[in-house]
Amino acid sequence: MGFWDVTKNLLSGFEQTCLIFALTLVLALPLGLVIAFGSMSKFKPLSYLTKVFVWIIRGVPLMLQVMIVFYVPGFLFGTPLLPRFWAVIAAFVINYACYFSEIYRGGIESISKSQYEAGEVLGLTKSQIFFKIVLLQVIKRILAPMSNEIITLVKDTALARIILVAEIIKEAENFIAYGLVWPLFYTAVFYLIFVGVLTLLFGFFEKKLDYFKA
């Protein structure tokens, strides 16, 4: 089997990798904000339950969470609750939303109360204070840790293979039956390009927000 045949198959798997990445990001980012507000809630039962939930999700390996989401409903109800692909998405979204929530919470709580008070003195409403004074500062402060988590997500997509979802590494493993091991190492090129593009993108955004250093 030639180089281009392998590349074609890996591109098919890489498409699945990108889809897992994109769906996880689109769904986990807003969900993480909701969870962050829950953990910061002044209603203690909600705050406590949210923090316990985040602690459990962050403490259990993502691979095990994927297996729980896919296999446990099958044991309980005799059939999987979700198809393999969507079980991966569900596990990934819950996991990353919890990590994002802690980053959001840290960023929001790092803004001093004096800035809110200054906005009130200027006659701004709460929404104006948030969007005009607080929001961009929060984005600046969470951008670095958020970028690290997002880059980790690129590599974590490989865990989808544990329930036989055909992402790029799963596609590469199929070639072992033909006595070809090098496609596994070839997948590193795809990951490096993906991570490289994200690194450049986050670097661009960080420079755009550099004026907060003044």
N, C-alpha and C. Protein backbone atom coordinates (compact mmCIF):
# COMPACT_ATOMS: atom_id res chain seq x y z
N MET A 1 0.84 -1.19 0.00
CA MET A 1 0.00 0.00 0.00
C MET A 1 0.88 1.25 0.00
N GLY A 2 0.62 2.17 -0.94
CA GLY A 2 1.49 3.32 -1.14
C GLY A 2 1.24 4.46 -0.18
N PHE A 3 2.14 5.45 -0.26
CA PHE A 3 2.09 6.61 0.62
C PHE A 3 0.78 7.38 0.46
N TRP A 4 0.33 7.57 -0.78
CA TRP A 4 -0.88 8.36 -1.01
C TRP A 4 -2.14 7.63 -0.56
N ASP A 5 -2.12 6.30 -0.66
CA ASP A 5 -3.26 5.52 -0.15
C ASP A 5 -3.37 5.67 1.37
N VAL A 6 -2.23 5.62 2.03
CA VAL A 6 -2.21 5.79 3.49
C VAL A 6 -2.68 7.19 3.85
N THR A 7 -2.16 8.19 3.13
CA THR A 7 -2.52 9.58 3.40
C THR A 7 -4.02 9.79 3.24
N LYS A 8 -4.60 9.20 2.21
CA LYS A 8 -6.04 9.34 1.97
C LYS A 8 -6.85 8.78 3.14
N ASN A 9 -6.44 7.63 3.66
CA ASN A 9 -7.14 7.03 4.79
C ASN A 9 -6.96 7.85 6.07
N LEU A 10 -5.75 8.36 6.26
CA LEU A 10 -5.49 9.17 7.44
C LEU A 10 -6.25 10.49 7.38
N LEU A 11 -6.39 11.05 6.19
CA LEU A 11 -7.18 12.28 6.05
C LEU A 11 -8.64 12.04 6.44
N SER A 12 -9.14 10.85 6.12
CA SER A 12 -10.51 10.50 6.49
C SER A 12 -10.63 10.46 8.02
N GLY A 13 -9.63 9.86 8.68
CA GLY A 13 -9.62 9.82 10.14
C GLY A 13 -9.41 11.20 10.74
N PHE A 14 -8.60 12.01 10.08
CA PHE A 14 -8.33 13.36 10.57
C PHE A 14 -9.58 14.23 10.50
N GLU A 15 -10.42 13.95 9.52
CA GLU A 15 -11.70 14.65 9.43
C GLU A 15 -12.56 14.38 10.66
N GLN A 16 -12.55 13.12 11.11
CA GLN A 16 -13.28 12.77 12.33
C GLN A 16 -12.65 13.45 13.56
N THR A 17 -11.32 13.48 13.58
CA THR A 17 -10.60 14.15 14.67
C THR A 17 -11.01 15.62 14.76
N CYS A 18 -11.02 16.29 13.62
CA CYS A 18 -11.39 17.72 13.58
C CYS A 18 -12.84 17.92 13.99
N LEU A 19 -13.71 16.99 13.62
CA LEU A 19 -15.13 17.10 13.97
C LEU A 19 -15.33 16.95 15.48
N ILE A 20 -14.64 15.97 16.07
CA ILE A 20 -14.71 15.79 17.53
C ILE A 20 -14.21 17.05 18.23
N PHE A 21 -13.09 17.58 17.75
CA PHE A 21 -12.51 18.79 18.32
C PHE A 21 -13.49 19.97 18.25
N ALA A 22 -14.04 20.20 17.06
CA ALA A 22 -14.90 21.36 16.83
C ALA A 22 -16.19 21.27 17.65
N LEU A 23 -16.84 20.12 17.64
CA LEU A 23 -18.09 19.96 18.38
C LEU A 23 -17.86 20.09 19.89
N THR A 24 -16.78 19.51 20.37
CA THR A 24 -16.46 19.62 21.80
C THR A 24 -16.26 21.08 22.19
N LEU A 25 -15.52 21.81 21.37
CA LEU A 25 -15.22 23.20 21.68
C LEU A 25 -16.48 24.06 21.66
N VAL A 26 -17.28 23.90 20.60
CA VAL A 26 -18.50 24.72 20.44
C VAL A 26 -19.49 24.48 21.59
N LEU A 27 -19.57 23.24 22.07
CA LEU A 27 -20.54 22.92 23.12
C LEU A 27 -19.97 23.12 24.53
N ALA A 28 -18.68 22.86 24.71
CA ALA A 28 -18.09 22.94 26.05
C ALA A 28 -17.82 24.36 26.51
N LEU A 29 -17.50 25.27 25.59
CA LEU A 29 -17.21 26.65 25.98
C LEU A 29 -18.40 27.33 26.68
N PRO A 30 -19.60 27.32 26.09
CA PRO A 30 -20.74 27.93 26.80
C PRO A 30 -21.17 27.13 28.03
N LEU A 31 -21.10 25.80 27.95
CA LEU A 31 -21.49 24.98 29.10
C LEU A 31 -20.55 25.24 30.28
N GLY A 32 -19.28 25.43 29.98
CA GLY A 32 -18.31 25.73 31.04
C GLY A 32 -18.64 27.01 31.76
N LEU A 33 -19.14 28.00 31.03
CA LEU A 33 -19.52 29.28 31.65
C LEU A 33 -20.72 29.09 32.58
N VAL A 34 -21.67 28.27 32.15
CA VAL A 34 -22.84 27.97 32.99
C VAL A 34 -22.39 27.28 34.29
N ILE A 35 -21.49 26.31 34.15
CA ILE A 35 -20.99 25.59 35.33
C ILE A 35 -20.22 26.54 36.25
N ALA A 36 -19.45 27.46 35.65
CA ALA A 36 -18.70 28.44 36.45
C ALA A 36 -19.64 29.30 37.28
N PHE A 37 -20.72 29.77 36.65
CA PHE A 37 -21.70 30.58 37.39
C PHE A 37 -22.35 29.75 38.50
N GLY A 38 -22.55 28.46 38.23
CA GLY A 38 -23.11 27.59 39.26
C GLY A 38 -22.18 27.45 40.45
N SER A 39 -20.89 27.29 40.20
CA SER A 39 -19.93 27.13 41.30
C SER A 39 -19.72 28.43 42.07
N MET A 40 -19.99 29.59 41.42
CA MET A 40 -19.85 30.88 42.09
C MET A 40 -21.17 31.37 42.70
N SER A 41 -22.21 30.58 42.55
CA SER A 41 -23.54 30.98 43.02
C SER A 41 -23.53 31.21 44.54
N LYS A 42 -24.31 32.19 44.97
CA LYS A 42 -24.46 32.46 46.39
C LYS A 42 -25.45 31.49 47.03
N PHE A 43 -26.15 30.72 46.19
CA PHE A 43 -27.04 29.66 46.69
C PHE A 43 -26.17 28.44 47.00
N LYS A 44 -25.88 28.23 48.27
CA LYS A 44 -24.87 27.26 48.69
C LYS A 44 -25.11 25.82 48.20
N PRO A 45 -26.34 25.30 48.23
CA PRO A 45 -26.53 23.93 47.73
C PRO A 45 -26.11 23.78 46.26
N LEU A 46 -26.46 24.77 45.43
CA LEU A 46 -26.09 24.74 44.02
C LEU A 46 -24.58 24.83 43.87
N SER A 47 -23.97 25.74 44.61
CA SER A 47 -22.52 25.91 44.55
C SER A 47 -21.80 24.64 44.99
N TYR A 48 -22.26 24.03 46.07
CA TYR A 48 -21.64 22.81 46.59
C TYR A 48 -21.76 21.66 45.59
N LEU A 49 -22.97 21.44 45.07
CA LEU A 49 -23.19 20.34 44.13
C LEU A 49 -22.37 20.53 42.85
N THR A 50 -22.29 21.76 42.37
CA THR A 50 -21.51 22.05 41.16
C THR A 50 -20.05 21.76 41.39
N LYS A 51 -19.52 22.19 42.54
CA LYS A 51 -18.11 21.96 42.84
C LYS A 51 -17.79 20.48 43.00
N VAL A 52 -18.70 19.73 43.59
CA VAL A 52 -18.51 18.27 43.73
C VAL A 52 -18.50 17.61 42.36
N PHE A 53 -19.44 18.03 41.50
CA PHE A 53 -19.52 17.48 40.14
C PHE A 53 -18.22 17.76 39.37
N VAL A 54 -17.73 18.99 39.45
CA VAL A 54 -16.48 19.36 38.77
C VAL A 54 -15.32 18.55 39.33
N TRP A 55 -15.29 18.36 40.64
CA TRP A 55 -14.22 17.59 41.28
C TRP A 55 -14.21 16.14 40.77
N ILE A 56 -15.39 15.54 40.65
CA ILE A 56 -15.49 14.16 40.16
C ILE A 56 -15.02 14.06 38.72
N ILE A 57 -15.52 14.96 37.86
CA ILE A 57 -15.18 14.91 36.44
C ILE A 57 -13.69 15.14 36.23
N ARG A 58 -13.11 16.09 36.97
CA ARG A 58 -11.69 16.38 36.82
C ARG A 58 -10.81 15.29 37.42
N GLY A 59 -11.38 14.50 38.34
CA GLY A 59 -10.60 13.46 39.01
C GLY A 59 -10.61 12.11 38.32
N VAL A 60 -11.57 11.92 37.40
CA VAL A 60 -11.69 10.63 36.69
C VAL A 60 -11.08 10.77 35.29
N PRO A 61 -10.22 9.83 34.88
CA PRO A 61 -9.62 9.93 33.53
C PRO A 61 -10.67 10.03 32.43
N LEU A 62 -10.37 10.84 31.42
CA LEU A 62 -11.30 11.03 30.31
C LEU A 62 -11.59 9.72 29.59
N MET A 63 -10.58 8.87 29.45
CA MET A 63 -10.79 7.57 28.79
C MET A 63 -11.88 6.78 29.50
N LEU A 64 -11.84 6.77 30.82
CA LEU A 64 -12.83 6.04 31.59
C LEU A 64 -14.21 6.67 31.44
N GLN A 65 -14.27 7.99 31.36
CA GLN A 65 -15.55 8.68 31.16
C GLN A 65 -16.18 8.32 29.83
N VAL A 66 -15.35 8.22 28.79
CA VAL A 66 -15.86 7.81 27.48
C VAL A 66 -16.46 6.41 27.56
N MET A 67 -15.76 5.51 28.25
CA MET A 67 -16.25 4.14 28.38
C MET A 67 -17.53 4.08 29.20
N ILE A 68 -17.62 4.91 30.24
CA ILE A 68 -18.83 4.93 31.08
C ILE A 68 -20.03 5.41 30.27
N VAL A 69 -19.86 6.50 29.53
CA VAL A 69 -20.97 7.05 28.75
C VAL A 69 -21.48 6.06 27.71
N PHE A 70 -20.56 5.31 27.10
CA PHE A 70 -20.98 4.39 26.04
C PHE A 70 -21.45 3.04 26.57
N TYR A 71 -20.70 2.46 27.52
CA TYR A 71 -20.98 1.08 27.93
C TYR A 71 -21.99 0.95 29.07
N VAL A 72 -21.97 1.86 30.03
CA VAL A 72 -22.84 1.69 31.21
C VAL A 72 -24.33 1.66 30.85
N PRO A 73 -24.84 2.57 29.98
CA PRO A 73 -26.26 2.46 29.60
C PRO A 73 -26.58 1.11 28.95
N GLY A 74 -25.61 0.54 28.24
CA GLY A 74 -25.82 -0.78 27.64
C GLY A 74 -26.00 -1.86 28.70
N PHE A 75 -25.20 -1.78 29.78
CA PHE A 75 -25.33 -2.74 30.87
C PHE A 75 -26.66 -2.57 31.60
N LEU A 76 -27.11 -1.33 31.74
CA LEU A 76 -28.32 -1.04 32.51
C LEU A 76 -29.60 -1.28 31.72
N PHE A 77 -29.58 -0.89 30.44
CA PHE A 77 -30.80 -0.92 29.63
C PHE A 77 -30.75 -1.93 28.48
N GLY A 78 -29.62 -2.58 28.32
CA GLY A 78 -29.50 -3.59 27.27
C GLY A 78 -29.13 -3.04 25.92
N THR A 79 -29.01 -1.72 25.80
CA THR A 79 -28.62 -1.09 24.54
C THR A 79 -27.93 0.24 24.84
N PRO A 80 -26.93 0.61 24.04
CA PRO A 80 -26.25 1.90 24.28
C PRO A 80 -27.23 3.06 24.16
N LEU A 81 -27.07 4.05 25.03
CA LEU A 81 -27.93 5.22 24.99
C LEU A 81 -27.60 6.10 23.79
N LEU A 82 -26.33 6.16 23.42
CA LEU A 82 -25.86 7.00 22.31
C LEU A 82 -25.01 6.19 21.35
N PRO A 83 -25.02 6.54 20.06
CA PRO A 83 -24.06 5.93 19.13
C PRO A 83 -22.63 6.23 19.57
N ARG A 84 -21.66 5.49 19.08
CA ARG A 84 -20.27 5.64 19.52
C ARG A 84 -19.77 7.07 19.39
N PHE A 85 -19.99 7.67 18.24
CA PHE A 85 -19.47 9.02 18.00
C PHE A 85 -20.05 10.00 19.00
N TRP A 86 -21.36 9.95 19.21
CA TRP A 86 -22.01 10.91 20.10
C TRP A 86 -21.72 10.63 21.56
N ALA A 87 -21.40 9.37 21.89
CA ALA A 87 -20.95 9.07 23.25
C ALA A 87 -19.62 9.76 23.52
N VAL A 88 -18.74 9.76 22.53
CA VAL A 88 -17.46 10.46 22.65
C VAL A 88 -17.70 11.95 22.85
N ILE A 89 -18.58 12.53 22.03
CA ILE A 89 -18.85 13.96 22.13
C ILE A 89 -19.42 14.30 23.50
N ALA A 90 -20.36 13.50 24.00
CA ALA A 90 -20.97 13.77 25.31
C ALA A 90 -19.91 13.74 26.41
N ALA A 91 -19.07 12.72 26.40
CA ALA A 91 -18.02 12.61 27.44
C ALA A 91 -17.03 13.75 27.34
N PHE A 92 -16.62 14.09 26.13
CA PHE A 92 -15.65 15.17 25.94
C PHE A 92 -16.22 16.52 26.36
N VAL A 93 -17.47 16.78 26.00
CA VAL A 93 -18.08 18.07 26.32
C VAL A 93 -18.19 18.25 27.83
N ILE A 94 -18.66 17.22 28.53
CA ILE A 94 -18.80 17.31 29.99
C ILE A 94 -17.43 17.51 30.64
N ASN A 95 -16.45 16.73 30.19
CA ASN A 95 -15.11 16.82 30.76
C ASN A 95 -14.49 18.20 30.56
N TYR A 96 -14.50 18.67 29.33
CA TYR A 96 -13.84 19.95 29.05
C TYR A 96 -14.63 21.13 29.58
N ALA A 97 -15.94 21.01 29.66
CA ALA A 97 -16.74 22.10 30.25
C ALA A 97 -16.34 22.31 31.70
N CYS A 98 -16.07 21.23 32.41
CA CYS A 98 -15.65 21.34 33.82
C CYS A 98 -14.28 22.01 33.93
N TYR A 99 -13.36 21.65 33.06
CA TYR A 99 -12.05 22.31 33.07
C TYR A 99 -12.17 23.78 32.69
N PHE A 100 -12.94 24.06 31.66
CA PHE A 100 -13.14 25.46 31.25
C PHE A 100 -13.81 26.26 32.36
N SER A 101 -14.71 25.64 33.10
CA SER A 101 -15.44 26.37 34.15
C SER A 101 -14.48 26.89 35.21
N GLU A 102 -13.47 26.10 35.55
CA GLU A 102 -12.50 26.54 36.55
C GLU A 102 -11.65 27.69 36.02
N ILE A 103 -11.35 27.66 34.74
CA ILE A 103 -10.58 28.75 34.13
C ILE A 103 -11.43 30.02 34.10
N TYR A 104 -12.69 29.88 33.71
CA TYR A 104 -13.61 31.03 33.72
C TYR A 104 -13.71 31.62 35.13
N ARG A 105 -13.92 30.74 36.10
CA ARG A 105 -14.11 31.19 37.49
C ARG A 105 -12.88 31.96 37.98
N GLY A 106 -11.70 31.42 37.69
CA GLY A 106 -10.48 32.09 38.10
C GLY A 106 -10.34 33.46 37.45
N GLY A 107 -10.70 33.54 36.17
CA GLY A 107 -10.60 34.81 35.46
C GLY A 107 -11.57 35.85 35.98
N ILE A 108 -12.80 35.44 36.22
CA ILE A 108 -13.83 36.38 36.69
C ILE A 108 -13.50 36.86 38.10
N GLU A 109 -13.09 35.95 38.97
CA GLU A 109 -12.80 36.32 40.35
C GLU A 109 -11.51 37.12 40.50
N SER A 110 -10.68 37.13 39.45
CA SER A 110 -9.42 37.88 39.52
C SER A 110 -9.62 39.38 39.29
N ILE A 111 -10.78 39.76 38.77
CA ILE A 111 -11.07 41.18 38.55
C ILE A 111 -11.47 41.82 39.87
N SER A 112 -10.77 42.86 40.26
CA SER A 112 -11.01 43.49 41.56
C SER A 112 -12.37 44.19 41.59
N LYS A 113 -12.96 44.24 42.80
CA LYS A 113 -14.26 44.88 42.98
C LYS A 113 -14.20 46.38 42.70
N SER A 114 -13.01 46.95 42.83
CA SER A 114 -12.86 48.39 42.60
C SER A 114 -13.21 48.77 41.17
N GLN A 115 -12.99 47.84 40.23
CA GLN A 115 -13.31 48.13 38.83
C GLN A 115 -14.81 48.16 38.60
N TYR A 116 -15.52 47.30 39.30
CA TYR A 116 -16.99 47.34 39.23
C TYR A 116 -17.50 48.66 39.85
N GLU A 117 -16.89 49.02 40.97
CA GLU A 117 -17.29 50.25 41.65
C GLU A 117 -17.00 51.48 40.81
N ALA A 118 -15.85 51.46 40.11
CA ALA A 118 -15.50 52.58 39.24
C ALA A 118 -16.51 52.73 38.11
N GLY A 119 -16.97 51.60 37.57
CA GLY A 119 -17.98 51.63 36.52
C GLY A 119 -19.29 52.21 37.02
N GLU A 120 -19.65 51.87 38.25
CA GLU A 120 -20.89 52.40 38.83
C GLU A 120 -20.78 53.91 39.04
N VAL A 121 -19.59 54.37 39.45
CA VAL A 121 -19.37 55.81 39.64
C VAL A 121 -19.54 56.56 38.32
N LEU A 122 -19.12 55.92 37.22
CA LEU A 122 -19.25 56.53 35.90
C LEU A 122 -20.68 56.47 35.36
N GLY A 123 -21.56 55.83 36.11
CA GLY A 123 -22.96 55.76 35.70
C GLY A 123 -23.27 54.63 34.75
N LEU A 124 -22.39 53.63 34.66
CA LEU A 124 -22.62 52.50 33.76
C LEU A 124 -23.54 51.48 34.42
N THR A 125 -24.32 50.80 33.61
CA THR A 125 -25.16 49.72 34.12
C THR A 125 -24.29 48.48 34.34
N LYS A 126 -24.86 47.47 35.01
CA LYS A 126 -24.10 46.25 35.28
C LYS A 126 -23.66 45.56 33.99
N SER A 127 -24.55 45.54 33.00
CA SER A 127 -24.20 44.90 31.73
C SER A 127 -23.11 45.69 31.01
N GLN A 128 -23.16 47.02 31.07
CA GLN A 128 -22.12 47.84 30.45
C GLN A 128 -20.78 47.66 31.14
N ILE A 129 -20.81 47.56 32.46
CA ILE A 129 -19.58 47.34 33.22
C ILE A 129 -18.95 46.01 32.80
N PHE A 130 -19.81 44.99 32.68
CA PHE A 130 -19.29 43.66 32.32
C PHE A 130 -18.69 43.66 30.93
N PHE A 131 -19.42 44.18 29.95
CA PHE A 131 -18.97 44.09 28.56
C PHE A 131 -17.89 45.11 28.21
N LYS A 132 -17.92 46.29 28.83
CA LYS A 132 -16.96 47.34 28.47
C LYS A 132 -15.70 47.36 29.34
N ILE A 133 -15.81 46.85 30.56
CA ILE A 133 -14.67 46.92 31.48
C ILE A 133 -14.12 45.54 31.82
N VAL A 134 -15.01 44.61 32.16
CA VAL A 134 -14.58 43.33 32.72
C VAL A 134 -14.24 42.28 31.66
N LEU A 135 -15.11 42.14 30.66
CA LEU A 135 -15.03 41.01 29.74
C LEU A 135 -13.68 40.87 29.06
N LEU A 136 -13.17 41.95 28.46
CA LEU A 136 -11.90 41.84 27.73
C LEU A 136 -10.74 41.53 28.67
N GLN A 137 -10.80 42.03 29.89
CA GLN A 137 -9.76 41.70 30.87
C GLN A 137 -9.80 40.23 31.25
N VAL A 138 -11.00 39.70 31.40
CA VAL A 138 -11.16 38.28 31.71
C VAL A 138 -10.60 37.44 30.56
N ILE A 139 -10.95 37.80 29.32
CA ILE A 139 -10.46 37.07 28.15
C ILE A 139 -8.94 37.07 28.11
N LYS A 140 -8.34 38.24 28.38
CA LYS A 140 -6.89 38.35 28.40
C LYS A 140 -6.27 37.42 29.43
N ARG A 141 -6.86 37.35 30.62
CA ARG A 141 -6.30 36.56 31.71
C ARG A 141 -6.48 35.07 31.53
N ILE A 142 -7.56 34.66 30.84
CA ILE A 142 -7.81 33.23 30.68
C ILE A 142 -7.28 32.68 29.36
N LEU A 143 -6.79 33.56 28.49
CA LEU A 143 -6.41 33.11 27.15
C LEU A 143 -5.30 32.05 27.19
N ALA A 144 -4.27 32.28 28.01
CA ALA A 144 -3.15 31.32 28.06
C ALA A 144 -3.58 29.96 28.61
N PRO A 145 -4.24 29.89 29.78
CA PRO A 145 -4.68 28.57 30.25
C PRO A 145 -5.72 27.93 29.34
N MET A 146 -6.58 28.75 28.73
CA MET A 146 -7.58 28.21 27.83
C MET A 146 -6.93 27.62 26.58
N SER A 147 -5.91 28.30 26.07
CA SER A 147 -5.21 27.79 24.89
C SER A 147 -4.53 26.46 25.19
N ASN A 148 -4.00 26.32 26.40
CA ASN A 148 -3.37 25.04 26.79
C ASN A 148 -4.40 23.92 26.80
N GLU A 149 -5.58 24.18 27.35
CA GLU A 149 -6.63 23.16 27.39
C GLU A 149 -7.11 22.79 25.99
N ILE A 150 -7.23 23.79 25.13
CA ILE A 150 -7.71 23.54 23.77
C ILE A 150 -6.70 22.73 22.98
N ILE A 151 -5.41 23.02 23.17
CA ILE A 151 -4.37 22.23 22.50
C ILE A 151 -4.35 20.80 23.04
N THR A 152 -4.59 20.66 24.34
CA THR A 152 -4.68 19.31 24.92
C THR A 152 -5.86 18.55 24.32
N LEU A 153 -6.96 19.26 24.05
CA LEU A 153 -8.13 18.64 23.43
C LEU A 153 -7.78 18.03 22.07
N VAL A 154 -6.93 18.70 21.30
CA VAL A 154 -6.53 18.17 19.99
C VAL A 154 -5.97 16.76 20.16
N LYS A 155 -5.10 16.57 21.16
CA LYS A 155 -4.46 15.28 21.37
C LYS A 155 -5.39 14.28 22.04
N ASP A 156 -6.28 14.79 22.89
CA ASP A 156 -7.22 13.89 23.58
C ASP A 156 -8.23 13.26 22.63
N THR A 157 -8.43 13.85 21.46
CA THR A 157 -9.36 13.24 20.51
C THR A 157 -8.98 11.80 20.17
N ALA A 158 -7.69 11.48 20.36
CA ALA A 158 -7.23 10.11 20.09
C ALA A 158 -7.90 9.09 21.01
N LEU A 159 -8.44 9.54 22.15
CA LEU A 159 -9.10 8.62 23.08
C LEU A 159 -10.40 8.08 22.52
N ALA A 160 -10.92 8.68 21.45
CA ALA A 160 -12.16 8.19 20.83
C ALA A 160 -11.99 6.76 20.32
N ARG A 161 -10.76 6.38 20.01
CA ARG A 161 -10.50 5.04 19.48
C ARG A 161 -10.81 3.94 20.49
N ILE A 162 -10.90 4.31 21.79
CA ILE A 162 -11.13 3.31 22.81
C ILE A 162 -12.48 2.63 22.64
N ILE A 163 -13.45 3.33 21.99
CA ILE A 163 -14.74 2.70 21.68
C ILE A 163 -14.91 2.59 20.16
N LEU A 164 -13.79 2.51 19.48
CA LEU A 164 -13.73 2.18 18.04
C LEU A 164 -14.29 3.27 17.13
N VAL A 165 -14.21 4.52 17.55
CA VAL A 165 -14.53 5.63 16.66
C VAL A 165 -13.31 5.86 15.76
N ALA A 166 -13.54 5.97 14.45
CA ALA A 166 -12.44 5.95 13.47
C ALA A 166 -11.77 7.32 13.33
N GLU A 167 -11.14 7.80 14.42
CA GLU A 167 -10.33 9.02 14.29
C GLU A 167 -8.97 8.63 13.67
N ILE A 168 -8.06 9.57 13.58
CA ILE A 168 -6.87 9.37 12.76
C ILE A 168 -5.97 8.23 13.26
N ILE A 169 -5.78 8.11 14.56
CA ILE A 169 -4.91 7.05 15.06
C ILE A 169 -5.56 5.68 14.87
N LYS A 170 -6.87 5.61 15.01
CA LYS A 170 -7.58 4.35 14.74
C LYS A 170 -7.39 3.94 13.29
N GLU A 171 -7.47 4.90 12.38
CA GLU A 171 -7.24 4.61 10.95
C GLU A 171 -5.81 4.12 10.74
N ALA A 172 -4.85 4.73 11.44
CA ALA A 172 -3.46 4.32 11.29
C ALA A 172 -3.24 2.91 11.83
N GLU A 173 -3.92 2.55 12.90
CA GLU A 173 -3.78 1.22 13.49
C GLU A 173 -4.27 0.13 12.55
N ASN A 174 -5.22 0.48 11.69
CA ASN A 174 -5.74 -0.51 10.74
C ASN A 174 -4.67 -1.03 9.79
N PHE A 175 -3.63 -0.22 9.57
CA PHE A 175 -2.57 -0.62 8.64
C PHE A 175 -1.62 -1.64 9.25
N ILE A 176 -1.69 -1.84 10.56
CA ILE A 176 -0.82 -2.84 11.21
C ILE A 176 -1.13 -4.22 10.66
N ALA A 177 -2.40 -4.46 10.30
CA ALA A 177 -2.79 -5.75 9.71
C ALA A 177 -2.06 -6.02 8.40
N TYR A 178 -1.59 -4.94 7.73
CA TYR A 178 -0.84 -5.08 6.48
C TYR A 178 0.67 -5.05 6.73
N GLY A 179 1.06 -5.09 7.99
CA GLY A 179 2.48 -5.07 8.32
C GLY A 179 3.09 -3.68 8.25
N LEU A 180 2.25 -2.63 8.28
CA LEU A 180 2.75 -1.25 8.20
C LEU A 180 2.58 -0.56 9.56
N VAL A 181 3.71 -0.15 10.13
CA VAL A 181 3.68 0.55 11.41
C VAL A 181 3.89 2.05 11.23
N TRP A 182 4.58 2.44 10.15
CA TRP A 182 4.94 3.85 9.97
C TRP A 182 3.74 4.80 9.89
N PRO A 183 2.52 4.35 9.44
CA PRO A 183 1.39 5.29 9.45
C PRO A 183 1.07 5.82 10.84
N LEU A 184 1.35 5.02 11.90
CA LEU A 184 1.12 5.51 13.25
C LEU A 184 1.97 6.74 13.54
N PHE A 185 3.23 6.69 13.14
CA PHE A 185 4.13 7.81 13.36
C PHE A 185 3.82 8.98 12.42
N TYR A 186 3.30 8.65 11.27
CA TYR A 186 2.92 9.67 10.28
C TYR A 186 1.79 10.56 10.82
N THR A 187 0.94 10.02 11.70
CA THR A 187 -0.15 10.82 12.27
C THR A 187 0.38 12.03 13.04
N ALA A 188 1.62 11.93 13.54
CA ALA A 188 2.20 13.04 14.29
C ALA A 188 2.28 14.31 13.44
N VAL A 189 2.47 14.14 12.13
CA VAL A 189 2.54 15.30 11.23
C VAL A 189 1.23 16.06 11.25
N PHE A 190 0.12 15.34 11.22
CA PHE A 190 -1.21 15.97 11.23
C PHE A 190 -1.43 16.73 12.54
N TYR A 191 -1.07 16.08 13.66
CA TYR A 191 -1.23 16.74 14.96
C TYR A 191 -0.35 17.99 15.07
N LEU A 192 0.89 17.89 14.62
CA LEU A 192 1.81 19.03 14.71
C LEU A 192 1.31 20.22 13.89
N ILE A 193 0.78 19.95 12.71
CA ILE A 193 0.24 21.03 11.88
C ILE A 193 -0.96 21.67 12.55
N PHE A 194 -1.86 20.83 13.08
CA PHE A 194 -3.06 21.32 13.76
C PHE A 194 -2.68 22.19 14.96
N VAL A 195 -1.80 21.67 15.80
CA VAL A 195 -1.38 22.41 17.00
C VAL A 195 -0.61 23.67 16.61
N GLY A 196 0.18 23.59 15.55
CA GLY A 196 0.92 24.76 15.08
C GLY A 196 0.00 25.90 14.67
N VAL A 197 -1.05 25.56 13.94
CA VAL A 197 -2.02 26.58 13.51
C VAL A 197 -2.70 27.21 14.72
N LEU A 198 -3.09 26.38 15.69
CA LEU A 198 -3.74 26.90 16.90
C LEU A 198 -2.79 27.79 17.70
N THR A 199 -1.52 27.40 17.78
CA THR A 199 -0.53 28.19 18.51
C THR A 199 -0.37 29.57 17.89
N LEU A 200 -0.30 29.63 16.57
CA LEU A 200 -0.19 30.91 15.88
C LEU A 200 -1.44 31.75 16.10
N LEU A 201 -2.59 31.10 16.08
CA LEU A 201 -3.86 31.81 16.27
C LEU A 201 -3.95 32.42 17.67
N PHE A 202 -3.60 31.63 18.68
CA PHE A 202 -3.65 32.14 20.05
C PHE A 202 -2.60 33.23 20.27
N GLY A 203 -1.43 33.09 19.62
CA GLY A 203 -0.41 34.13 19.71
C GLY A 203 -0.91 35.45 19.13
N PHE A 204 -1.65 35.37 18.05
CA PHE A 204 -2.23 36.56 17.42
C PHE A 204 -3.21 37.25 18.38
N PHE A 205 -4.07 36.45 19.01
CA PHE A 205 -5.05 37.02 19.94
C PHE A 205 -4.37 37.63 21.16
N GLU A 206 -3.31 37.01 21.65
CA GLU A 206 -2.60 37.55 22.81
C GLU A 206 -1.99 38.91 22.49
N LYS A 207 -1.45 39.06 21.29
CA LYS A 207 -0.88 40.35 20.88
C LYS A 207 -1.97 41.41 20.77
N LYS A 208 -3.14 41.01 20.30
CA LYS A 208 -4.25 41.95 20.17
C LYS A 208 -4.69 42.49 21.53
N LEU A 209 -4.48 41.70 22.57
CA LEU A 209 -4.91 42.10 23.91
C LEU A 209 -3.76 42.61 24.76
N ASP A 210 -2.61 42.87 24.15
CA ASP A 210 -1.42 43.32 24.90
C ASP A 210 -1.60 44.69 25.55
N TYR A 211 -2.55 45.49 25.05
CA TYR A 211 -2.69 46.84 25.62
C TYR A 211 -3.12 46.82 27.08
N PHE A 212 -3.59 45.65 27.59
CA PHE A 212 -3.95 45.55 28.99
C PHE A 212 -2.72 45.56 29.90
N LYS A 213 -1.52 45.38 29.30
CA LYS A 213 -0.30 45.40 30.11
C LYS A 213 0.08 46.81 30.54
N ALA A 214 -0.41 47.79 29.81
CA ALA A 214 -0.05 49.18 30.11
C ALA A 214 -0.63 49.63 31.43
